[in-house]
């Protein structure tokens, strides 16, 4: 909590935990994206004083992102297959 009071004195500092949403779009999920997401989580969890939960939560978030990437890829494959089938049936 002491860190939060020190940071509150910095002009323009707005804590992430004050009702703000953190959103982003990941186009390529690699090491750099993982590091950026982890650092955002680290800042948020430190501000809330619950940094001991970060690794467990990040593991879940990482898995959710990987599943979303797989689902988007599968959707593209399905759409391509449907387009090819439609092209053959309706030349």
PDB file of N, CA and C in Angstrom:
ATOM      1  N   UNK A   1       0.814  -1.204   0.000  1.00  0.00           N
ATOM      2  CA  UNK A   1       0.000   0.000   0.000  1.00  0.00           C
ATOM      3  C   UNK A   1       0.852   1.261   0.000  1.00  0.00           C
ATOM      4  N   UNK A   2       2.027   1.181   0.574  1.00  0.00           N
ATOM      5  CA  UNK A   2       2.898   2.351   0.654  1.00  0.00           C
ATOM      6  C   UNK A   2       3.280   2.827  -0.747  1.00  0.00           C
ATOM      7  N   UNK A   3       3.523   1.898  -1.683  1.00  0.00           N
ATOM      8  CA  UNK A   3       3.878   2.248  -3.044  1.00  0.00           C
ATOM      9  C   UNK A   3       2.756   3.028  -3.712  1.00  0.00           C
ATOM     10  N   UNK A   4       1.519   2.639  -3.446  1.00  0.00           N
ATOM     11  CA  UNK A   4       0.388   3.322  -4.062  1.00  0.00           C
ATOM     12  C   UNK A   4       0.335   4.787  -3.636  1.00  0.00           C
ATOM     13  N   UNK A   5       0.619   5.078  -2.389  1.00  0.00           N
ATOM     14  CA  UNK A   5       0.601   6.458  -1.936  1.00  0.00           C
ATOM     15  C   UNK A   5       1.731   7.253  -2.565  1.00  0.00           C
ATOM     16  N   UNK A   6       2.894   6.630  -2.759  1.00  0.00           N
ATOM     17  CA  UNK A   6       4.003   7.312  -3.408  1.00  0.00           C
ATOM     18  C   UNK A   6       3.677   7.620  -4.862  1.00  0.00           C
ATOM     19  N   UNK A   7       3.079   6.668  -5.555  1.00  0.00           N
ATOM     20  CA  UNK A   7       2.731   6.876  -6.954  1.00  0.00           C
ATOM     21  C   UNK A   7       1.607   7.883  -7.112  1.00  0.00           C
ATOM     22  N   UNK A   8       0.746   7.996  -6.130  1.00  0.00           N
ATOM     23  CA  UNK A   8      -0.361   8.949  -6.200  1.00  0.00           C
ATOM     24  C   UNK A   8       0.145  10.383  -6.239  1.00  0.00           C
ATOM     25  N   UNK A   9       1.356  10.622  -5.760  1.00  0.00           N
ATOM     26  CA  UNK A   9       1.929  11.964  -5.776  1.00  0.00           C
ATOM     27  C   UNK A   9       2.513  12.341  -7.131  1.00  0.00           C
ATOM     28  N   UNK A  10       2.642  11.384  -8.044  1.00  0.00           N
ATOM     29  CA  UNK A  10       3.194  11.658  -9.368  1.00  0.00           C
ATOM     30  C   UNK A  10       2.120  12.328 -10.212  1.00  0.00           C
ATOM     31  N   UNK A  11       2.411  13.516 -10.799  1.00  0.00           N
ATOM     32  CA  UNK A  11       1.407  14.211 -11.623  1.00  0.00           C
ATOM     33  C   UNK A  11       0.976  13.360 -12.810  1.00  0.00           C
ATOM     34  N   UNK A  12      -0.324  13.256 -13.015  1.00  0.00           N
ATOM     35  CA  UNK A  12      -0.866  12.515 -14.141  1.00  0.00           C
ATOM     36  C   UNK A  12      -0.998  11.020 -13.914  1.00  0.00           C
ATOM     37  N   UNK A  13      -0.587  10.527 -12.745  1.00  0.00           N
ATOM     38  CA  UNK A  13      -0.688   9.095 -12.469  1.00  0.00           C
ATOM     39  C   UNK A  13      -2.124   8.729 -12.146  1.00  0.00           C
ATOM     40  N   UNK A  14      -2.638   7.739 -12.872  1.00  0.00           N
ATOM     41  CA  UNK A  14      -3.983   7.220 -12.602  1.00  0.00           C
ATOM     42  C   UNK A  14      -3.840   5.729 -12.348  1.00  0.00           C
ATOM     43  N   UNK A  15      -4.163   5.275 -11.149  1.00  0.00           N
ATOM     44  CA  UNK A  15      -4.065   3.838 -10.864  1.00  0.00           C
ATOM     45  C   UNK A  15      -4.960   3.029 -11.790  1.00  0.00           C
ATOM     46  N   UNK A  16      -4.458   1.892 -12.233  1.00  0.00           N
ATOM     47  CA  UNK A  16      -5.225   1.030 -13.126  1.00  0.00           C
ATOM     48  C   UNK A  16      -6.430   0.434 -12.422  1.00  0.00           C
ATOM     49  N   UNK A  17      -6.384   0.358 -11.118  1.00  0.00           N
ATOM     50  CA  UNK A  17      -7.431  -0.319 -10.358  1.00  0.00           C
ATOM     51  C   UNK A  17      -8.640   0.565 -10.077  1.00  0.00           C
ATOM     52  N   UNK A  18      -8.637   1.803 -10.540  1.00  0.00           N
ATOM     53  CA  UNK A  18      -9.751   2.704 -10.241  1.00  0.00           C
ATOM     54  C   UNK A  18     -10.790   2.695 -11.355  1.00  0.00           C
ATOM     55  N   UNK A  19     -11.457   1.585 -11.521  1.00  0.00           N
ATOM     56  CA  UNK A  19     -12.582   1.497 -12.441  1.00  0.00           C
ATOM     57  C   UNK A  19     -12.210   1.564 -13.907  1.00  0.00           C
ATOM     58  N   UNK A  20     -10.984   1.419 -14.235  1.00  0.00           N
ATOM     59  CA  UNK A  20     -10.558   1.472 -15.633  1.00  0.00           C
ATOM     60  C   UNK A  20     -10.488   0.050 -16.188  1.00  0.00           C
ATOM     61  N   UNK A  21     -10.872  -0.094 -17.427  1.00  0.00           N
ATOM     62  CA  UNK A  21     -10.742  -1.381 -18.103  1.00  0.00           C
ATOM     63  C   UNK A  21      -9.451  -1.375 -18.898  1.00  0.00           C
ATOM     64  N   UNK A  22      -8.792  -2.493 -18.905  1.00  0.00           N
ATOM     65  CA  UNK A  22      -7.591  -2.651 -19.711  1.00  0.00           C
ATOM     66  C   UNK A  22      -7.957  -3.615 -20.827  1.00  0.00           C
ATOM     67  N   UNK A  23      -7.945  -3.091 -22.064  1.00  0.00           N
ATOM     68  CA  UNK A  23      -8.308  -3.919 -23.206  1.00  0.00           C
ATOM     69  C   UNK A  23      -7.204  -3.834 -24.245  1.00  0.00           C
ATOM     70  N   UNK A  24      -7.149  -4.832 -25.064  1.00  0.00           N
ATOM     71  CA  UNK A  24      -6.161  -4.835 -26.129  1.00  0.00           C
ATOM     72  C   UNK A  24      -6.510  -5.864 -27.175  1.00  0.00           C
ATOM     73  N   UNK A  25      -5.898  -5.716 -28.319  1.00  0.00           N
ATOM     74  CA  UNK A  25      -6.073  -6.677 -29.403  1.00  0.00           C
ATOM     75  C   UNK A  25      -4.719  -7.296 -29.699  1.00  0.00           C
ATOM     76  N   UNK A  26      -4.694  -8.599 -29.752  1.00  0.00           N
ATOM     77  CA  UNK A  26      -3.456  -9.316 -30.024  1.00  0.00           C
ATOM     78  C   UNK A  26      -3.559  -9.907 -31.421  1.00  0.00           C
ATOM     79  N   UNK A  27      -2.678  -9.463 -32.328  1.00  0.00           N
ATOM     80  CA  UNK A  27      -2.696 -10.008 -33.686  1.00  0.00           C
ATOM     81  C   UNK A  27      -1.737 -11.182 -33.811  1.00  0.00           C
ATOM     82  N   UNK A  28      -0.610 -11.102 -33.135  1.00  0.00           N
ATOM     83  CA  UNK A  28       0.357 -12.197 -33.123  1.00  0.00           C
ATOM     84  C   UNK A  28       0.672 -12.479 -31.662  1.00  0.00           C
ATOM     85  N   UNK A  29       0.343 -13.680 -31.217  1.00  0.00           N
ATOM     86  CA  UNK A  29       0.582 -14.010 -29.811  1.00  0.00           C
ATOM     87  C   UNK A  29       1.912 -14.718 -29.677  1.00  0.00           C
ATOM     88  N   UNK A  30       2.918 -13.958 -29.334  1.00  0.00           N
ATOM     89  CA  UNK A  30       4.257 -14.491 -29.156  1.00  0.00           C
ATOM     90  C   UNK A  30       4.830 -14.040 -27.830  1.00  0.00           C
ATOM     91  N   UNK A  31       6.132 -14.156 -27.728  1.00  0.00           N
ATOM     92  CA  UNK A  31       6.821 -13.822 -26.481  1.00  0.00           C
ATOM     93  C   UNK A  31       6.629 -12.352 -26.107  1.00  0.00           C
ATOM     94  N   UNK A  32       6.708 -11.471 -27.085  1.00  0.00           N
ATOM     95  CA  UNK A  32       6.561 -10.039 -26.801  1.00  0.00           C
ATOM     96  C   UNK A  32       5.162  -9.717 -26.281  1.00  0.00           C
ATOM     97  N   UNK A  33       4.137 -10.284 -26.903  1.00  0.00           N
ATOM     98  CA  UNK A  33       2.758 -10.057 -26.447  1.00  0.00           C
ATOM     99  C   UNK A  33       2.562 -10.612 -25.039  1.00  0.00           C
ATOM    100  N   UNK A  34       3.101 -11.810 -24.783  1.00  0.00           N
ATOM    101  CA  UNK A  34       2.987 -12.410 -23.441  1.00  0.00           C
ATOM    102  C   UNK A  34       3.653 -11.518 -22.400  1.00  0.00           C
ATOM    103  N   UNK A  35       4.840 -10.998 -22.715  1.00  0.00           N
ATOM    104  CA  UNK A  35       5.554 -10.135 -21.776  1.00  0.00           C
ATOM    105  C   UNK A  35       4.785  -8.847 -21.492  1.00  0.00           C
ATOM    106  N   UNK A  36       4.177  -8.285 -22.531  1.00  0.00           N
ATOM    107  CA  UNK A  36       3.396  -7.054 -22.343  1.00  0.00           C
ATOM    108  C   UNK A  36       2.169  -7.309 -21.478  1.00  0.00           C
ATOM    109  N   UNK A  37       1.486  -8.408 -21.729  1.00  0.00           N
ATOM    110  CA  UNK A  37       0.306  -8.745 -20.928  1.00  0.00           C
ATOM    111  C   UNK A  37       0.708  -9.013 -19.483  1.00  0.00           C
ATOM    112  N   UNK A  38       1.821  -9.707 -19.298  1.00  0.00           N
ATOM    113  CA  UNK A  38       2.295  -9.988 -17.944  1.00  0.00           C
ATOM    114  C   UNK A  38       2.646  -8.696 -17.211  1.00  0.00           C
ATOM    115  N   UNK A  39       3.295  -7.752 -17.896  1.00  0.00           N
ATOM    116  CA  UNK A  39       3.685  -6.504 -17.227  1.00  0.00           C
ATOM    117  C   UNK A  39       2.466  -5.659 -16.864  1.00  0.00           C
ATOM    118  N   UNK A  40       1.434  -5.685 -17.697  1.00  0.00           N
ATOM    119  CA  UNK A  40       0.193  -4.976 -17.356  1.00  0.00           C
ATOM    120  C   UNK A  40      -0.440  -5.623 -16.129  1.00  0.00           C
ATOM    121  N   UNK A  41      -0.488  -6.950 -16.121  1.00  0.00           N
ATOM    122  CA  UNK A  41      -1.031  -7.660 -14.959  1.00  0.00           C
ATOM    123  C   UNK A  41      -0.218  -7.406 -13.709  1.00  0.00           C
ATOM    124  N   UNK A  42       1.103  -7.375 -13.853  1.00  0.00           N
ATOM    125  CA  UNK A  42       1.973  -7.116 -12.708  1.00  0.00           C
ATOM    126  C   UNK A  42       1.686  -5.747 -12.095  1.00  0.00           C
ATOM    127  N   UNK A  43       1.529  -4.748 -12.951  1.00  0.00           N
ATOM    128  CA  UNK A  43       1.232  -3.403 -12.437  1.00  0.00           C
ATOM    129  C   UNK A  43      -0.116  -3.391 -11.709  1.00  0.00           C
ATOM    130  N   UNK A  44      -1.116  -3.986 -12.334  1.00  0.00           N
ATOM    131  CA  UNK A  44      -2.448  -4.012 -11.736  1.00  0.00           C
ATOM    132  C   UNK A  44      -2.454  -4.764 -10.411  1.00  0.00           C
ATOM    133  N   UNK A  45      -1.854  -5.945 -10.383  1.00  0.00           N
ATOM    134  CA  UNK A  45      -1.853  -6.761  -9.170  1.00  0.00           C
ATOM    135  C   UNK A  45      -1.029  -6.108  -8.062  1.00  0.00           C
ATOM    136  N   UNK A  46       0.068  -5.431  -8.425  1.00  0.00           N
ATOM    137  CA  UNK A  46       0.858  -4.713  -7.417  1.00  0.00           C
ATOM    138  C   UNK A  46       0.051  -3.574  -6.807  1.00  0.00           C
ATOM    139  N   UNK A  47      -0.691  -2.842  -7.646  1.00  0.00           N
ATOM    140  CA  UNK A  47      -1.515  -1.737  -7.138  1.00  0.00           C
ATOM    141  C   UNK A  47      -2.596  -2.236  -6.185  1.00  0.00           C
ATOM    142  N   UNK A  48      -3.112  -3.412  -6.479  1.00  0.00           N
ATOM    143  CA  UNK A  48      -4.165  -3.964  -5.634  1.00  0.00           C
ATOM    144  C   UNK A  48      -3.607  -4.690  -4.409  1.00  0.00           C
ATOM    145  N   UNK A  49      -2.300  -4.902  -4.377  1.00  0.00           N
ATOM    146  CA  UNK A  49      -1.683  -5.587  -3.251  1.00  0.00           C
ATOM    147  C   UNK A  49      -1.888  -7.091  -3.256  1.00  0.00           C
ATOM    148  N   UNK A  50      -2.105  -7.647  -4.439  1.00  0.00           N
ATOM    149  CA  UNK A  50      -2.364  -9.094  -4.539  1.00  0.00           C
ATOM    150  C   UNK A  50      -1.405  -9.749  -5.537  1.00  0.00           C
ATOM    151  N   UNK A  51      -0.175  -9.298  -5.568  1.00  0.00           N
ATOM    152  CA  UNK A  51       0.787  -9.789  -6.562  1.00  0.00           C
ATOM    153  C   UNK A  51       1.080 -11.281  -6.413  1.00  0.00           C
ATOM    154  N   UNK A  52       0.776 -11.862  -5.271  1.00  0.00           N
ATOM    155  CA  UNK A  52       1.020 -13.295  -5.079  1.00  0.00           C
ATOM    156  C   UNK A  52       0.092 -14.158  -5.935  1.00  0.00           C
ATOM    157  N   UNK A  53      -0.985 -13.597  -6.490  1.00  0.00           N
ATOM    158  CA  UNK A  53      -1.911 -14.343  -7.342  1.00  0.00           C
ATOM    159  C   UNK A  53      -1.599 -14.183  -8.826  1.00  0.00           C
ATOM    160  N   UNK A  54      -0.652 -13.344  -9.167  1.00  0.00           N
ATOM    161  CA  UNK A  54      -0.408 -13.006 -10.568  1.00  0.00           C
ATOM    162  C   UNK A  54      -0.073 -14.223 -11.422  1.00  0.00           C
ATOM    163  N   UNK A  55       0.829 -15.060 -10.973  1.00  0.00           N
ATOM    164  CA  UNK A  55       1.244 -16.192 -11.796  1.00  0.00           C
ATOM    165  C   UNK A  55       0.096 -17.156 -12.090  1.00  0.00           C
ATOM    166  N   UNK A  56      -0.748 -17.408 -11.101  1.00  0.00           N
ATOM    167  CA  UNK A  56      -1.894 -18.302 -11.310  1.00  0.00           C
ATOM    168  C   UNK A  56      -2.894 -17.706 -12.297  1.00  0.00           C
ATOM    169  N   UNK A  57      -3.185 -16.427 -12.138  1.00  0.00           N
ATOM    170  CA  UNK A  57      -4.138 -15.767 -13.034  1.00  0.00           C
ATOM    171  C   UNK A  57      -3.552 -15.662 -14.437  1.00  0.00           C
ATOM    172  N   UNK A  58      -2.257 -15.318 -14.523  1.00  0.00           N
ATOM    173  CA  UNK A  58      -1.638 -15.197 -15.843  1.00  0.00           C
ATOM    174  C   UNK A  58      -1.635 -16.528 -16.582  1.00  0.00           C
ATOM    175  N   UNK A  59      -1.456 -17.609 -15.877  1.00  0.00           N
ATOM    176  CA  UNK A  59      -1.499 -18.937 -16.497  1.00  0.00           C
ATOM    177  C   UNK A  59      -2.860 -19.169 -17.148  1.00  0.00           C
ATOM    178  N   UNK A  60      -3.929 -18.788 -16.467  1.00  0.00           N
ATOM    179  CA  UNK A  60      -5.284 -18.937 -17.010  1.00  0.00           C
ATOM    180  C   UNK A  60      -5.507 -18.012 -18.203  1.00  0.00           C
ATOM    181  N   UNK A  61      -5.064 -16.762 -18.083  1.00  0.00           N
ATOM    182  CA  UNK A  61      -5.221 -15.795 -19.173  1.00  0.00           C
ATOM    183  C   UNK A  61      -4.450 -16.260 -20.408  1.00  0.00           C
ATOM    184  N   UNK A  62      -3.235 -16.748 -20.200  1.00  0.00           N
ATOM    185  CA  UNK A  62      -2.415 -17.253 -21.297  1.00  0.00           C
ATOM    186  C   UNK A  62      -3.127 -18.388 -22.024  1.00  0.00           C
ATOM    187  N   UNK A  63      -3.692 -19.303 -21.275  1.00  0.00           N
ATOM    188  CA  UNK A  63      -4.401 -20.435 -21.871  1.00  0.00           C
ATOM    189  C   UNK A  63      -5.653 -19.974 -22.624  1.00  0.00           C
ATOM    190  N   UNK A  64      -6.374 -18.999 -22.079  1.00  0.00           N
ATOM    191  CA  UNK A  64      -7.557 -18.473 -22.759  1.00  0.00           C
ATOM    192  C   UNK A  64      -7.202 -17.817 -24.086  1.00  0.00           C
ATOM    193  N   UNK A  65      -6.104 -17.077 -24.101  1.00  0.00           N
ATOM    194  CA  UNK A  65      -5.677 -16.430 -25.346  1.00  0.00           C
ATOM    195  C   UNK A  65      -5.274 -17.480 -26.378  1.00  0.00           C
ATOM    196  N   UNK A  66      -4.538 -18.494 -25.954  1.00  0.00           N
ATOM    197  CA  UNK A  66      -4.145 -19.560 -26.884  1.00  0.00           C
ATOM    198  C   UNK A  66      -5.371 -20.253 -27.463  1.00  0.00           C
ATOM    199  N   UNK A  67      -6.370 -20.508 -26.628  1.00  0.00           N
ATOM    200  CA  UNK A  67      -7.604 -21.149 -27.111  1.00  0.00           C
ATOM    201  C   UNK A  67      -8.351 -20.249 -28.091  1.00  0.00           C
ATOM    202  N   UNK A  68      -8.351 -18.940 -27.840  1.00  0.00           N
ATOM    203  CA  UNK A  68      -9.016 -18.005 -28.744  1.00  0.00           C
ATOM    204  C   UNK A  68      -8.320 -17.979 -30.102  1.00  0.00           C
ATOM    205  N   UNK A  69      -6.993 -18.008 -30.087  1.00  0.00           N
ATOM    206  CA  UNK A  69      -6.243 -18.031 -31.346  1.00  0.00           C
ATOM    207  C   UNK A  69      -6.578 -19.297 -32.138  1.00  0.00           C
ATOM    208  N   UNK A  70      -6.613 -20.439 -31.461  1.00  0.00           N
ATOM    209  CA  UNK A  70      -6.955 -21.706 -32.123  1.00  0.00           C
ATOM    210  C   UNK A  70      -8.374 -21.652 -32.691  1.00  0.00           C
ATOM    211  N   UNK A  71      -9.309 -21.115 -31.931  1.00  0.00           N
ATOM    212  CA  UNK A  71     -10.702 -21.040 -32.383  1.00  0.00           C
ATOM    213  C   UNK A  71     -10.828 -20.135 -33.608  1.00  0.00           C
ATOM    214  N   UNK A  72     -10.122 -19.022 -33.621  1.00  0.00           N
ATOM    215  CA  UNK A  72     -10.172 -18.122 -34.776  1.00  0.00           C
ATOM    216  C   UNK A  72      -9.587 -18.800 -36.010  1.00  0.00           C
ATOM    217  N   UNK A  73      -8.509 -19.543 -35.826  1.00  0.00           N
ATOM    218  CA  UNK A  73      -7.895 -20.252 -36.944  1.00  0.00           C
ATOM    219  C   UNK A  73      -8.846 -21.314 -37.495  1.00  0.00           C
ATOM    220  N   UNK A  74      -9.488 -22.056 -36.607  1.00  0.00           N
ATOM    221  CA  UNK A  74     -10.442 -23.073 -37.046  1.00  0.00           C
ATOM    222  C   UNK A  74     -11.619 -22.443 -37.782  1.00  0.00           C
ATOM    223  N   UNK A  75     -12.080 -21.291 -37.319  1.00  0.00           N
ATOM    224  CA  UNK A  75     -13.176 -20.597 -37.995  1.00  0.00           C
ATOM    225  C   UNK A  75     -12.768 -20.221 -39.415  1.00  0.00           C
ATOM    226  N   UNK A  76     -11.547 -19.747 -39.590  1.00  0.00           N
ATOM    227  CA  UNK A  76     -11.071 -19.410 -40.932  1.00  0.00           C
ATOM    228  C   UNK A  76     -11.045 -20.641 -41.839  1.00  0.00           C
ATOM    229  N   UNK A  77     -10.594 -21.767 -41.291  1.00  0.00           N
ATOM    230  CA  UNK A  77     -10.573 -23.001 -42.082  1.00  0.00           C
ATOM    231  C   UNK A  77     -11.981 -23.433 -42.480  1.00  0.00           C
ATOM    232  N   UNK A  78     -12.925 -23.329 -41.563  1.00  0.00           N
ATOM    233  CA  UNK A  78     -14.314 -23.697 -41.849  1.00  0.00           C
ATOM    234  C   UNK A  78     -14.901 -22.770 -42.901  1.00  0.00           C
ATOM    235  N   UNK A  79     -14.642 -21.475 -42.769  1.00  0.00           N
ATOM    236  CA  UNK A  79     -15.177 -20.512 -43.745  1.00  0.00           C
ATOM    237  C   UNK A  79     -14.584 -20.759 -45.134  1.00  0.00           C
ATOM    238  N   UNK A  80     -13.307 -21.088 -45.200  1.00  0.00           N
ATOM    239  CA  UNK A  80     -12.675 -21.376 -46.489  1.00  0.00           C
ATOM    240  C   UNK A  80     -13.292 -22.626 -47.118  1.00  0.00           C
ATOM    241  N   UNK A  81     -13.519 -23.648 -46.316  1.00  0.00           N
ATOM    242  CA  UNK A  81     -14.137 -24.877 -46.817  1.00  0.00           C
ATOM    243  C   UNK A  81     -15.546 -24.603 -47.327  1.00  0.00           C
ATOM    244  N   UNK A  82     -16.311 -23.825 -46.589  1.00  0.00           N
ATOM    245  CA  UNK A  82     -17.676 -23.496 -47.013  1.00  0.00           C
ATOM    246  C   UNK A  82     -17.668 -22.686 -48.308  1.00  0.00           C
ATOM    247  N   UNK A  83     -16.722 -21.776 -48.428  1.00  0.00           N
ATOM    248  CA  UNK A  83     -16.612 -20.973 -49.647  1.00  0.00           C
ATOM    249  C   UNK A  83     -16.298 -21.869 -50.848  1.00  0.00           C
ATOM    250  N   UNK A  84     -15.359 -22.818 -50.671  1.00  0.00           N
ATOM    251  CA  UNK A  84     -15.009 -23.738 -51.758  1.00  0.00           C
ATOM    252  C   UNK A  84     -16.196 -24.608 -52.151  1.00  0.00           C
ATOM    253  N   UNK A  85     -16.923 -25.119 -51.168  1.00  0.00           N
ATOM    254  CA  UNK A  85     -18.104 -25.939 -51.454  1.00  0.00           C
ATOM    255  C   UNK A  85     -19.173 -25.134 -52.175  1.00  0.00           C
ATOM    256  N   UNK A  86     -19.379 -23.918 -51.749  1.00  0.00           N
ATOM    257  CA  UNK A  86     -20.375 -23.048 -52.388  1.00  0.00           C
ATOM    258  C   UNK A  86     -19.960 -22.718 -53.817  1.00  0.00           C
ATOM    259  N   UNK A  87     -18.665 -22.511 -54.034  1.00  0.00           N
ATOM    260  CA  UNK A  87     -18.172 -22.206 -55.384  1.00  0.00           C
ATOM    261  C   UNK A  87     -18.381 -23.381 -56.319  1.00  0.00           C
ATOM    262  N   UNK A  88     -18.216 -24.602 -55.833  1.00  0.00           N
ATOM    263  CA  UNK A  88     -18.414 -25.804 -56.656  1.00  0.00           C
ATOM    264  C   UNK A  88     -19.896 -26.028 -56.970  1.00  0.00           C
ATOM    265  N   UNK A  89     -20.750 -25.755 -56.002  1.00  0.00           N
ATOM    266  CA  UNK A  89     -22.196 -25.973 -56.184  1.00  0.00           C
ATOM    267  C   UNK A  89     -22.835 -24.881 -57.006  1.00  0.00           C
ATOM    268  N   UNK A  90     -22.311 -23.683 -56.951  1.00  0.00           N
ATOM    269  CA  UNK A  90     -22.874 -22.544 -57.677  1.00  0.00           C
ATOM    270  C   UNK A  90     -21.772 -21.864 -58.509  1.00  0.00           C
ATOM    271  N   UNK A  91     -21.427 -22.478 -59.647  1.00  0.00           N
ATOM    272  CA  UNK A  91     -20.318 -21.915 -60.440  1.00  0.00           C
ATOM    273  C   UNK A  91     -20.619 -20.561 -61.052  1.00  0.00           C
TER     274      UNK A  91
END
